[in-house]
Amino acid sequence: MNKKRIFVLVASLMIGNCAVQAETKQPNFVLILADDLGWVDISSDLATDGHGSEYYQTPTIDRLASQGVSFTHAYAMQNCAPTRSAILTGQYPLRPYNGVYNVGSLNRPDKRTSVYPNLPIVPPKQRNDISSESTSLHETLKAGGYDTSFFGKNHGAGESENLTINHGVDFNFGTKAGPFIVGTVKGENVKSGFLAIEDDQDGWTFSIPALNPYAQPYDAAYVENILEPVANGNDPALVLGTPKHLTDALGDAAVDFIEERAGGAKPFFLYLPFHAVHVPIVARRDLIAKYKMLDPADHRHDHPVYAAMIELMDQNVRKVLNALDDPNGDGNDSDSLSSNTLVLFTSDNGGFMGPTDNAPLRGRKGMFYEGGIRVPFICRWPGVISPGIVNREAVHCIDIYPSLADLGQAPVPDSSFQELDGESLAPILLGRTETLTRESLFGHFPGYMDNRQRPNSVIRKRIQGNDYKLFYYYEDNRYELYNLTEDLHESTNLLEGEYSKSVRQIAKQLSSDLRKWLVEGNAPTGIWAINEEAVGYPSSEVF
């Protein structure tokens, strides 16, 4: 079956910004996605409601927050591939064109538990990549006249070449899901995490031909012209002659893309999904040296190499912003693209923990607790978005697709073909409102992921001025309810022991809404191992 190409302009998405767009040309979009960067893994207090790190330094991300709007209640999926698939499709995983719930599969049980391998629920199958029949965000923007690009981690979209073949990427620098470089050195097979290797046949390489021009070791010219201008208390000379870091290479390639687009007739979409700060924890030696000399001032954060890795990513964000300010690098900003470029910065899930700590949030990457899904989310558009704004509306990675389509005046897929689950943030970004129309966000995970996830669904909803979050666990028909407004750490399950009539009513309402969403989405739940019957949805009748 050939992929459908059905598009409509959705009037409801365009309300509130038509007047502005009638007076301006289509903006450029730069979407920067960190990997495993937790909500408090940045130093900005604006973007974290005062919980920013006192050890990690992210001056560029902090500056973005001071120049734009920080969504302090922003959410992603619980780990890498589901978030990236949601961004590309604008959909929750239960939609047929998405279908990506987890990295690898839904059958990743914890072998340390007493019930392994006799799990009570047999998980359903899932996709590992979005459907080639889907209309990706890149395809939608391409249909709206955009040059589209992809620089970095390709997870959830198939092999890297599929980005061009199936998903509308014009400039394809998509890399493999893991930050590993594989090659042959002096006849031996070599595997490197993040650092380029000198392959016998390909020379210095990142295992992707498009990036090989950026794989040369750090030389004096690079240190002087590229690293020193973005230095922040580190000594870039310490990296002379050492292998190039993948994060620097991706930043360099993105800068070249911007330079080549300056003065062009078409708007562009630059998608930069870094591999950093995913394990293995590898950073540049100049930044490591800096953090080893610093006394950790934050009881949560004290890992110098992880801190160095975060700032390495931050410096590459600065490279991109500098290129927008002065594309040809001549010191004259008359060719600046910044005023007509929306920059978005976010992460694909919460912090991994081990090298970091997500406190005051509970949990970590892989969980539906706040530590696993709450992420930084900052948007900057000079002259359009007021600087230094903090917005506490619950936003989600599924909102990126409809937002960019809306602001870019690009036709979205017909809802009968591919319904978008997100809501456009354009009215908020343009200062027309501070809230969205939707009431709830959802999560569904019908399988197992070591000790972090078991079959469960979750709903987050604001009720009478408070943000509530209800979990339902399928194995034992168990609920958890938290008031996030009063209990950010999710430490008090309101359904334990005796609880009030008002708590019962809230739980009943949330359970009913959750069930309705699951039923309407035909969400898979797997089967009971004991009798092979389908696992049922939650029922509010228990309250």
Protein backbone atom coordinates (compact mmCIF):
# COMPACT_ATOMS: atom_id res chain seq x y z
CA MET A 1 0.00 0.00 0.00
CA ASN A 2 1.40 3.39 -0.97
CA LYS A 3 1.68 6.01 1.71
CA LYS A 4 -1.27 8.38 1.67
CA ARG A 5 -0.64 12.05 1.15
CA ILE A 6 -3.77 13.56 2.57
CA PHE A 7 -3.45 17.00 4.11
CA VAL A 8 -5.91 19.57 5.37
CA LEU A 9 -5.48 22.93 6.98
CA VAL A 10 -7.05 22.58 10.38
CA ALA A 11 -8.81 25.84 11.15
CA SER A 12 -8.79 25.33 14.89
CA LEU A 13 -4.99 25.21 14.90
CA MET A 14 -4.72 28.49 13.06
CA ILE A 15 -6.93 30.53 15.39
CA GLY A 16 -4.98 33.21 17.18
CA ASN A 17 -1.95 33.51 14.95
CA CYS A 18 -3.28 34.25 11.47
CA ALA A 19 -2.93 37.99 11.93
CA VAL A 20 0.71 37.70 12.93
CA GLN A 21 1.56 35.29 10.14
CA ALA A 22 -0.15 37.50 7.58
CA GLU A 23 2.47 40.15 8.39
CA THR A 24 5.54 37.92 8.64
CA LYS A 25 7.18 35.22 6.60
CA GLN A 26 7.31 31.64 7.78
CA PRO A 27 9.74 31.28 10.68
CA ASN A 28 12.66 28.90 10.71
CA PHE A 29 12.54 26.18 13.35
CA VAL A 30 15.45 24.82 15.36
CA LEU A 31 14.43 21.88 17.57
CA ILE A 32 17.20 20.74 19.91
CA LEU A 33 16.57 17.49 21.77
CA ALA A 34 18.88 16.37 24.58
CA ASP A 35 19.11 12.68 25.43
CA ASP A 36 18.43 11.67 29.08
CA LEU A 37 18.82 15.24 30.37
CA GLY A 38 16.79 15.47 33.56
CA TRP A 39 14.57 18.38 34.56
CA VAL A 40 17.12 19.57 37.15
CA ASP A 41 20.23 18.75 35.09
CA ILE A 42 20.43 22.40 34.02
CA SER A 43 21.40 25.39 36.13
CA SER A 44 18.49 27.63 35.13
CA ASP A 45 16.13 28.39 38.00
CA LEU A 46 13.62 29.89 35.56
CA ALA A 47 13.22 26.63 33.66
CA THR A 48 13.07 24.44 36.78
CA ASP A 49 10.90 26.46 39.17
CA GLY A 50 13.94 27.18 41.32
CA HIS A 51 15.34 23.63 41.37
CA GLY A 52 18.25 24.08 38.95
CA SER A 53 21.61 22.44 39.62
CA GLU A 54 24.23 24.34 41.60
CA TYR A 55 27.05 22.19 40.15
CA TYR A 56 26.21 21.63 36.48
CA GLN A 57 26.68 24.78 34.39
CA THR A 58 24.47 25.44 31.37
CA PRO A 59 24.91 29.15 30.61
CA THR A 60 23.52 28.89 27.08
CA ILE A 61 20.37 27.05 28.11
CA ASP A 62 19.99 29.51 30.97
CA ARG A 63 20.23 32.37 28.48
CA LEU A 64 17.60 30.75 26.29
CA ALA A 65 15.27 30.68 29.29
CA SER A 66 15.95 34.34 30.05
CA GLN A 67 15.18 35.24 26.44
CA GLY A 68 12.02 33.17 25.97
CA VAL A 69 9.39 31.08 27.71
CA SER A 70 10.11 28.15 30.02
CA PHE A 71 7.42 25.51 30.37
CA THR A 72 8.17 24.19 33.85
CA HIS A 73 5.51 21.45 33.64
CA ALA A 74 6.68 19.85 30.40
CA TYR A 75 6.51 16.12 29.74
CA ALA A 76 8.00 13.50 27.45
CA MET A 77 7.56 9.76 27.20
CA GLN A 78 9.44 7.65 29.74
CA ASN A 79 12.42 6.84 27.53
CA CYS A 80 14.17 7.53 24.24
CA ALA A 81 12.42 5.88 21.30
CA PRO A 82 8.81 6.59 22.40
CA THR A 83 9.51 10.31 22.77
CA ARG A 84 11.26 10.58 19.43
CA SER A 85 8.44 8.66 17.75
CA ALA A 86 5.87 10.92 19.39
CA ILE A 87 7.67 14.01 18.14
CA LEU A 88 7.79 12.65 14.58
CA THR A 89 4.12 11.58 14.53
CA GLY A 90 2.45 13.97 16.98
CA GLN A 91 0.83 10.92 18.54
CA TYR A 92 0.75 8.80 21.67
CA PRO A 93 2.17 5.27 21.21
CA LEU A 94 -1.26 3.62 21.11
CA ARG A 95 -1.94 5.17 17.69
CA PRO A 96 -1.40 2.70 14.82
CA TYR A 97 1.08 4.89 12.92
CA ASN A 98 3.20 5.26 16.04
CA GLY A 99 3.08 2.07 18.12
CA VAL A 100 6.46 2.61 19.85
CA TYR A 101 6.08 2.14 23.64
CA ASN A 102 9.59 1.20 24.65
CA VAL A 103 13.14 0.72 23.44
CA GLY A 104 13.39 -2.78 21.99
CA SER A 105 10.18 -4.42 23.16
CA LEU A 106 7.56 -4.54 25.88
CA ASN A 107 8.97 -7.82 27.15
CA ARG A 108 11.97 -6.63 29.17
CA PRO A 109 11.22 -8.02 32.64
CA ASP A 110 13.43 -7.69 35.69
CA LYS A 111 15.27 -10.98 36.13
CA ARG A 112 15.89 -10.15 39.78
CA THR A 113 12.22 -10.54 40.76
CA SER A 114 10.89 -13.72 42.34
CA VAL A 115 8.20 -14.14 39.69
CA TYR A 116 10.59 -14.08 36.73
CA PRO A 117 10.05 -15.59 34.19
CA ASN A 118 6.48 -16.48 35.22
CA LEU A 119 5.03 -13.05 34.55
CA PRO A 120 1.27 -12.71 35.06
CA ILE A 121 0.76 -10.72 31.85
CA VAL A 122 2.05 -11.56 28.39
CA PRO A 123 2.80 -8.16 26.80
CA PRO A 124 1.56 -7.26 23.33
CA LYS A 125 3.92 -6.79 20.43
CA GLN A 126 5.00 -3.28 19.59
CA ARG A 127 6.63 -1.40 16.75
CA ASN A 128 10.26 -0.43 17.13
CA ASP A 129 9.85 2.31 14.50
CA ILE A 130 6.99 4.50 13.35
CA SER A 131 5.11 3.30 10.30
CA SER A 132 6.45 4.24 6.90
CA GLU A 133 2.80 5.05 6.10
CA SER A 134 2.77 7.84 8.67
CA THR A 135 3.18 11.49 7.73
CA SER A 136 6.12 12.66 9.78
CA LEU A 137 6.72 16.15 11.12
CA HIS A 138 9.40 16.56 8.47
CA GLU A 139 6.97 15.61 5.71
CA THR A 140 4.37 18.05 6.98
CA LEU A 141 6.85 20.93 7.10
CA LYS A 142 8.29 19.92 3.73
CA ALA A 143 4.76 20.15 2.29
CA GLY A 144 4.62 23.65 3.76
CA GLY A 145 7.73 24.71 1.84
CA TYR A 146 10.46 23.97 4.37
CA ASP A 147 13.95 22.59 3.89
CA THR A 148 14.11 19.77 6.43
CA SER A 149 17.09 18.30 8.21
CA PHE A 150 18.04 15.72 10.80
CA PHE A 151 21.31 15.91 12.77
CA GLY A 152 21.78 13.17 15.32
CA LYS A 153 20.16 10.25 17.06
CA ASN A 154 17.72 8.38 14.84
CA HIS A 155 15.61 6.30 17.18
CA GLY A 156 12.11 5.17 16.30
CA ALA A 157 12.26 5.89 12.58
CA GLY A 158 14.11 2.83 11.25
CA GLU A 159 17.51 2.85 9.61
CA SER A 160 19.02 6.25 8.99
CA GLU A 161 18.38 6.12 5.25
CA ASN A 162 14.66 5.76 6.03
CA LEU A 163 14.65 9.36 7.18
CA THR A 164 14.98 10.42 3.55
CA ILE A 165 13.18 7.52 1.90
CA ASN A 166 10.10 7.44 4.15
CA HIS A 167 10.02 10.53 6.33
CA GLY A 168 10.78 13.63 4.29
CA VAL A 169 14.28 14.56 5.49
CA ASP A 170 16.15 16.62 2.89
CA PHE A 171 19.50 16.91 4.70
CA ASN A 172 20.13 13.62 6.45
CA PHE A 173 22.77 13.39 9.16
CA GLY A 174 20.83 10.78 11.11
CA THR A 175 23.02 8.56 13.27
CA LYS A 176 22.43 5.20 14.87
CA ALA A 177 20.47 4.97 18.10
CA GLY A 178 23.52 4.30 20.28
CA PRO A 179 26.44 6.75 20.63
CA PHE A 180 28.92 4.09 19.55
CA ILE A 181 31.43 4.34 16.74
CA VAL A 182 32.54 1.03 15.27
CA GLY A 183 35.49 0.44 12.97
CA THR A 184 38.69 -1.45 12.29
CA VAL A 185 41.97 -0.10 13.61
CA LYS A 186 45.20 -1.92 12.73
CA GLY A 187 43.18 -5.01 11.86
CA GLU A 188 41.30 -5.10 15.16
CA ASN A 189 37.59 -4.37 15.59
CA VAL A 190 37.15 -1.27 17.74
CA LYS A 191 34.10 0.18 19.47
CA SER A 192 34.16 3.70 20.85
CA GLY A 193 31.55 5.58 22.84
CA PHE A 194 31.08 9.11 21.42
CA LEU A 195 34.69 9.56 20.21
CA ALA A 196 35.70 9.28 16.55
CA ILE A 197 38.05 6.47 15.58
CA GLU A 198 40.66 6.22 12.82
CA ASP A 199 39.35 3.37 10.72
CA ASP A 200 41.79 1.49 8.46
CA GLN A 201 39.66 2.20 5.37
CA ASP A 202 37.61 5.31 6.16
CA GLY A 203 40.10 7.32 8.16
CA TRP A 204 38.63 9.34 11.03
CA THR A 205 34.99 8.35 11.20
CA PHE A 206 31.78 8.36 13.19
CA SER A 207 30.47 5.34 11.26
CA ILE A 208 28.25 7.63 9.16
CA PRO A 209 29.77 9.01 5.94
CA ALA A 210 27.92 12.33 6.17
CA LEU A 211 29.65 13.14 9.45
CA ASN A 212 33.13 12.01 8.49
CA PRO A 213 34.20 15.51 7.38
CA TYR A 214 33.66 16.55 11.01
CA ALA A 215 35.57 13.63 12.53
CA GLN A 216 39.12 15.01 12.40
CA PRO A 217 40.90 15.35 15.78
CA TYR A 218 40.95 18.72 17.48
CA ASP A 219 43.65 20.90 15.94
CA ALA A 220 44.92 24.39 16.80
CA ALA A 221 42.63 26.14 14.32
CA TYR A 222 39.56 24.37 15.69
CA VAL A 223 40.51 25.15 19.27
CA GLU A 224 41.09 28.82 18.49
CA ASN A 225 38.13 29.43 16.17
CA ILE A 226 35.46 27.06 17.47
CA LEU A 227 36.14 26.12 21.09
CA GLU A 228 37.66 29.24 22.58
CA PRO A 229 34.74 31.52 21.64
CA VAL A 230 32.33 29.28 23.60
CA ALA A 231 34.66 28.49 26.52
CA ASN A 232 33.34 28.98 30.03
CA GLY A 233 36.20 28.59 32.48
CA ASN A 234 37.66 25.59 30.64
CA ASP A 235 40.95 25.46 28.74
CA PRO A 236 40.23 24.15 25.20
CA ALA A 237 43.96 23.75 24.49
CA LEU A 238 43.84 20.57 26.57
CA VAL A 239 42.06 18.74 23.74
CA LEU A 240 44.69 19.39 21.04
CA GLY A 241 45.25 16.18 19.07
CA THR A 242 42.54 14.18 20.83
CA PRO A 243 39.64 12.46 18.98
CA LYS A 244 36.57 14.53 18.11
CA HIS A 245 33.48 14.13 20.27
CA LEU A 246 30.26 13.24 18.44
CA THR A 247 28.46 16.13 20.17
CA ASP A 248 30.92 18.64 18.69
CA ALA A 249 30.63 17.04 15.26
CA LEU A 250 26.84 17.29 15.26
CA GLY A 251 27.02 20.89 16.42
CA ASP A 252 29.50 21.70 13.62
CA ALA A 253 27.32 20.07 10.97
CA ALA A 254 24.26 21.98 12.22
CA VAL A 255 26.21 25.26 12.06
CA ASP A 256 27.19 24.58 8.46
CA PHE A 257 23.55 23.88 7.61
CA ILE A 258 22.54 27.26 9.05
CA GLU A 259 25.30 29.08 7.18
CA GLU A 260 24.19 27.49 3.93
CA ARG A 261 20.56 28.50 4.55
CA ALA A 262 21.30 32.18 5.26
CA GLY A 263 19.64 34.36 2.66
CA GLY A 264 17.80 31.40 1.20
CA ALA A 265 14.30 31.71 -0.19
CA LYS A 266 12.94 28.78 1.81
CA PRO A 267 12.45 28.52 5.58
CA PHE A 268 14.21 25.62 7.26
CA PHE A 269 13.59 23.05 9.97
CA LEU A 270 16.77 22.05 11.80
CA TYR A 271 16.21 19.02 14.03
CA LEU A 272 19.19 18.38 16.30
CA PRO A 273 18.63 15.33 18.53
CA PHE A 274 21.91 14.96 20.43
CA HIS A 275 23.09 11.63 21.82
CA ALA A 276 24.38 13.49 24.87
CA VAL A 277 23.97 13.04 27.80
CA HIS A 278 23.17 9.34 27.37
CA VAL A 279 25.58 6.73 28.70
CA PRO A 280 28.43 5.98 28.29
CA ILE A 281 29.42 9.13 30.16
CA VAL A 282 32.14 10.57 27.94
CA ALA A 283 33.16 14.23 27.74
CA ARG A 284 36.00 16.43 26.50
CA ARG A 285 39.07 16.44 28.72
CA ASP A 286 39.14 20.26 29.05
CA LEU A 287 35.66 20.28 30.56
CA ILE A 288 36.39 17.29 32.76
CA ALA A 289 39.45 19.11 34.11
CA LYS A 290 37.29 22.14 34.88
CA TYR A 291 34.73 20.21 36.92
CA LYS A 292 37.33 18.19 38.78
CA MET A 293 38.58 21.50 40.13
CA LEU A 294 35.13 22.64 41.26
CA ASP A 295 33.72 21.85 44.70
CA PRO A 296 30.22 20.42 44.16
CA ALA A 297 27.80 22.90 45.70
CA ASP A 298 24.76 20.68 45.17
CA HIS A 299 24.12 17.59 47.32
CA ARG A 300 22.37 15.98 44.33
CA HIS A 301 25.11 16.45 41.76
CA ASP A 302 28.81 15.69 42.07
CA HIS A 303 29.85 13.71 38.95
CA PRO A 304 32.54 15.78 37.12
CA VAL A 305 32.44 13.81 33.85
CA TYR A 306 28.65 13.98 33.67
CA ALA A 307 28.79 17.70 34.45
CA ALA A 308 31.37 18.10 31.66
CA MET A 309 29.15 16.18 29.25
CA ILE A 310 26.21 18.47 30.01
CA GLU A 311 28.28 21.60 29.41
CA LEU A 312 29.70 20.11 26.21
CA MET A 313 26.14 19.87 24.92
CA ASP A 314 25.42 23.39 26.18
CA GLN A 315 28.42 24.76 24.28
CA ASN A 316 27.12 23.19 21.09
CA VAL A 317 23.75 24.79 21.65
CA ARG A 318 25.65 28.07 21.85
CA LYS A 319 27.39 27.30 18.53
CA VAL A 320 23.95 26.96 16.93
CA LEU A 321 22.65 30.18 18.48
CA ASN A 322 25.80 32.04 17.42
CA ALA A 323 25.30 30.80 13.87
CA LEU A 324 21.74 32.12 13.90
CA ASP A 325 23.00 35.50 15.12
CA ASP A 326 25.80 35.72 12.56
CA PRO A 327 25.52 33.01 9.89
CA ASN A 328 28.69 33.82 7.97
CA GLY A 329 30.73 34.54 11.11
CA ASP A 330 32.07 37.90 9.94
CA GLY A 331 31.09 39.78 13.09
CA ASN A 332 28.30 41.64 11.31
CA ASP A 333 24.79 40.58 12.36
CA SER A 334 23.02 42.22 9.43
CA ASP A 335 22.41 38.72 8.08
CA SER A 336 21.07 37.43 11.42
CA LEU A 337 18.35 34.79 11.31
CA SER A 338 17.49 34.93 15.01
CA SER A 339 14.50 37.25 14.79
CA ASN A 340 12.77 34.90 12.38
CA THR A 341 13.72 31.64 14.07
CA LEU A 342 11.88 29.76 16.80
CA VAL A 343 14.34 27.75 18.88
CA LEU A 344 12.98 24.92 21.01
CA PHE A 345 15.06 23.06 23.57
CA THR A 346 13.88 19.97 25.45
CA SER A 347 14.86 16.42 26.47
CA ASP A 348 13.54 12.99 25.57
CA ASN A 349 13.00 11.79 29.17
CA GLY A 350 14.07 12.34 32.75
CA GLY A 351 17.54 11.77 34.14
CA PHE A 352 19.04 8.29 34.10
CA MET A 353 20.24 8.53 37.73
CA GLY A 354 23.44 6.99 38.92
CA PRO A 355 25.48 9.80 37.38
CA THR A 356 22.79 12.30 38.41
CA ASP A 357 19.83 12.79 40.77
CA ASN A 358 16.34 14.00 39.81
CA ALA A 359 15.36 15.31 43.28
CA PRO A 360 12.92 16.78 44.15
CA LEU A 361 11.23 14.57 41.55
CA ARG A 362 10.55 10.90 42.21
CA GLY A 363 11.93 8.20 39.95
CA ARG A 364 14.10 8.21 36.86
CA LYS A 365 14.22 7.50 33.16
CA GLY A 366 11.91 4.61 32.28
CA MET A 367 9.20 5.50 34.84
CA PHE A 368 5.94 7.43 34.70
CA TYR A 369 6.83 9.15 37.97
CA GLU A 370 7.82 12.78 37.47
CA GLY A 371 11.54 12.02 37.49
CA GLY A 372 11.09 9.86 34.40
CA ILE A 373 8.90 12.11 32.26
CA ARG A 374 9.29 15.73 33.39
CA VAL A 375 11.82 17.58 31.24
CA PRO A 376 13.14 21.05 30.48
CA PHE A 377 11.24 22.79 27.67
CA ILE A 378 12.26 26.27 26.53
CA CYS A 379 11.14 28.26 23.48
CA ARG A 380 12.83 31.43 22.19
CA TRP A 381 11.70 33.66 19.34
CA PRO A 382 13.10 37.20 19.70
CA GLY A 383 10.53 39.91 19.13
CA VAL A 384 7.66 37.43 19.27
CA ILE A 385 7.99 35.59 22.57
CA SER A 386 8.44 37.91 25.55
CA PRO A 387 11.69 37.24 27.45
CA GLY A 388 11.92 35.56 30.84
CA ILE A 389 8.43 34.07 30.85
CA VAL A 390 7.54 31.07 33.04
CA ASN A 391 4.48 29.06 32.02
CA ARG A 392 3.16 26.27 34.26
CA GLU A 393 0.69 24.76 31.81
CA ALA A 394 1.17 21.02 31.29
CA VAL A 395 2.69 20.62 27.84
CA HIS A 396 3.98 17.50 26.12
CA CYS A 397 6.31 16.35 23.36
CA ILE A 398 3.22 15.45 21.29
CA ASP A 399 2.53 19.21 21.10
CA ILE A 400 5.65 19.94 19.05
CA TYR A 401 4.24 18.62 15.75
CA PRO A 402 1.00 20.63 15.71
CA SER A 403 2.80 23.71 17.06
CA LEU A 404 5.38 23.83 14.26
CA ALA A 405 2.78 23.00 11.61
CA ASP A 406 0.61 25.81 12.95
CA LEU A 407 3.31 28.46 13.13
CA GLY A 408 4.81 27.35 9.81
CA GLN A 409 1.42 27.41 8.05
CA ALA A 410 1.99 23.83 6.96
CA PRO A 411 -0.87 21.42 6.15
CA VAL A 412 -1.35 18.70 8.75
CA PRO A 413 -2.59 15.17 7.96
CA ASP A 414 -6.31 14.59 7.70
CA SER A 415 -7.51 13.34 11.08
CA SER A 416 -9.16 10.33 9.47
CA PHE A 417 -5.72 9.26 8.33
CA GLN A 418 -3.43 10.41 11.15
CA GLU A 419 -5.02 12.20 14.07
CA LEU A 420 -2.64 14.40 16.04
CA ASP A 421 -2.90 13.98 19.80
CA GLY A 422 -1.02 17.15 20.67
CA GLU A 423 -2.29 20.71 20.84
CA SER A 424 -0.64 23.69 19.22
CA LEU A 425 1.31 25.88 21.61
CA ALA A 426 1.16 28.77 19.13
CA PRO A 427 -1.43 30.81 21.08
CA ILE A 428 0.79 30.63 24.18
CA LEU A 429 4.00 31.40 22.29
CA LEU A 430 2.37 34.38 20.59
CA GLY A 431 1.11 35.75 23.91
CA ARG A 432 -2.59 35.29 23.17
CA THR A 433 -3.25 33.01 26.14
CA GLU A 434 -1.44 31.22 28.95
CA THR A 435 -3.40 27.97 28.83
CA LEU A 436 -4.39 25.15 26.49
CA THR A 437 -7.88 23.80 25.86
CA ARG A 438 -7.18 20.18 26.80
CA GLU A 439 -7.67 18.94 30.33
CA SER A 440 -5.58 15.77 30.54
CA LEU A 441 -2.35 14.06 29.57
CA PHE A 442 -2.04 10.28 29.42
CA GLY A 443 0.48 7.47 29.51
CA HIS A 444 0.14 3.78 28.74
CA PHE A 445 2.76 1.05 29.14
CA PRO A 446 1.38 -2.48 28.62
CA GLY A 447 4.57 -4.40 29.37
CA TYR A 448 7.74 -4.73 31.41
CA MET A 449 10.96 -2.74 31.61
CA ASP A 450 13.34 -4.18 34.23
CA ASN A 451 12.49 -2.80 37.69
CA ARG A 452 11.19 0.52 36.36
CA GLN A 453 7.96 -0.33 34.57
CA ARG A 454 5.24 -2.95 34.72
CA PRO A 455 1.87 -2.86 32.97
CA ASN A 456 0.21 0.41 33.94
CA SER A 457 -1.61 3.46 32.65
CA VAL A 458 -1.62 6.99 33.98
CA ILE A 459 -3.62 10.20 33.66
CA ARG A 460 -2.64 13.72 34.73
CA LYS A 461 -5.41 16.29 35.06
CA ARG A 462 -6.02 19.64 36.72
CA ILE A 463 -9.05 19.59 39.02
CA GLN A 464 -10.15 22.62 41.02
CA GLY A 465 -6.75 24.29 40.70
CA ASN A 466 -4.68 21.22 41.63
CA ASP A 467 -2.75 18.87 39.36
CA TYR A 468 -3.64 15.24 40.10
CA LYS A 469 -2.01 12.10 38.73
CA LEU A 470 -3.63 8.66 38.84
CA PHE A 471 -1.79 5.40 38.15
CA TYR A 472 -3.50 2.11 37.41
CA TYR A 473 -1.51 -1.16 37.64
CA TYR A 474 -3.03 -4.02 35.66
CA GLU A 475 -1.44 -6.98 37.45
CA ASP A 476 -3.15 -6.36 40.79
CA ASN A 477 -5.91 -3.86 39.92
CA ARG A 478 -4.15 -1.25 42.05
CA TYR A 479 -4.36 2.54 41.96
CA GLU A 480 -2.08 5.35 43.12
CA LEU A 481 -3.22 8.97 43.31
CA TYR A 482 -0.99 12.00 43.87
CA ASN A 483 -1.64 15.72 44.20
CA LEU A 484 1.32 17.09 42.26
CA THR A 485 0.57 20.65 43.27
CA GLU A 486 1.13 19.85 46.94
CA ASP A 487 3.32 16.76 46.57
CA LEU A 488 5.85 17.22 43.77
CA HIS A 489 7.82 14.21 45.00
CA GLU A 490 4.78 11.89 44.70
CA SER A 491 5.43 10.63 48.20
CA THR A 492 1.84 10.42 49.47
CA ASN A 493 -0.56 8.05 47.75
CA LEU A 494 -3.94 9.58 48.57
CA LEU A 495 -5.62 6.19 48.13
CA GLU A 496 -3.70 4.43 50.90
CA GLY A 497 -5.67 3.73 54.06
CA GLU A 498 -8.81 5.72 54.76
CA TYR A 499 -9.52 8.55 52.36
CA SER A 500 -12.13 11.26 52.04
CA LYS A 501 -15.20 11.43 49.85
CA SER A 502 -13.59 14.20 47.81
CA VAL A 503 -10.53 12.02 47.13
CA ARG A 504 -12.84 9.18 46.10
CA GLN A 505 -14.65 11.47 43.67
CA ILE A 506 -11.40 12.68 42.14
CA ALA A 507 -10.12 9.11 41.74
CA LYS A 508 -13.42 8.01 40.21
CA GLN A 509 -13.39 10.87 37.72
CA LEU A 510 -9.77 10.26 36.70
CA SER A 511 -10.28 6.52 36.37
CA SER A 512 -13.33 7.09 34.19
CA ASP A 513 -11.43 9.53 31.96
CA LEU A 514 -8.50 7.15 31.71
CA ARG A 515 -10.72 4.23 30.75
CA LYS A 516 -12.46 6.32 28.09
CA TRP A 517 -9.12 7.28 26.55
CA LEU A 518 -7.92 3.68 26.53
CA VAL A 519 -11.16 2.39 24.99
CA GLU A 520 -11.29 5.08 22.32
CA GLY A 521 -7.65 4.43 21.44
CA ASN A 522 -8.11 0.65 21.44
CA ALA A 523 -5.05 0.49 23.67
CA PRO A 524 -3.38 -2.95 23.77
CA THR A 525 -3.08 -4.52 27.22
CA GLY A 526 -1.70 -7.98 26.54
CA ILE A 527 -3.20 -11.26 27.82
CA TRP A 528 -3.26 -13.05 31.15
CA ALA A 529 -0.69 -15.84 31.13
CA ILE A 530 -2.94 -18.11 33.19
CA ASN A 531 -5.85 -18.23 30.74
CA GLU A 532 -4.80 -16.19 27.66
CA GLU A 533 -7.74 -13.83 28.13
CA ALA A 534 -7.33 -10.16 27.28
CA VAL A 535 -6.37 -7.93 30.19
CA GLY A 536 -9.21 -5.53 30.92
CA TYR A 537 -9.15 -1.77 31.26
CA PRO A 538 -9.50 -0.01 34.63
CA SER A 539 -12.99 0.53 36.02
CA SER A 540 -14.07 3.53 38.10
CA GLU A 541 -16.67 1.29 39.77
CA VAL A 542 -14.10 0.27 42.38
CA PHE A 543 -14.37 3.70 43.99
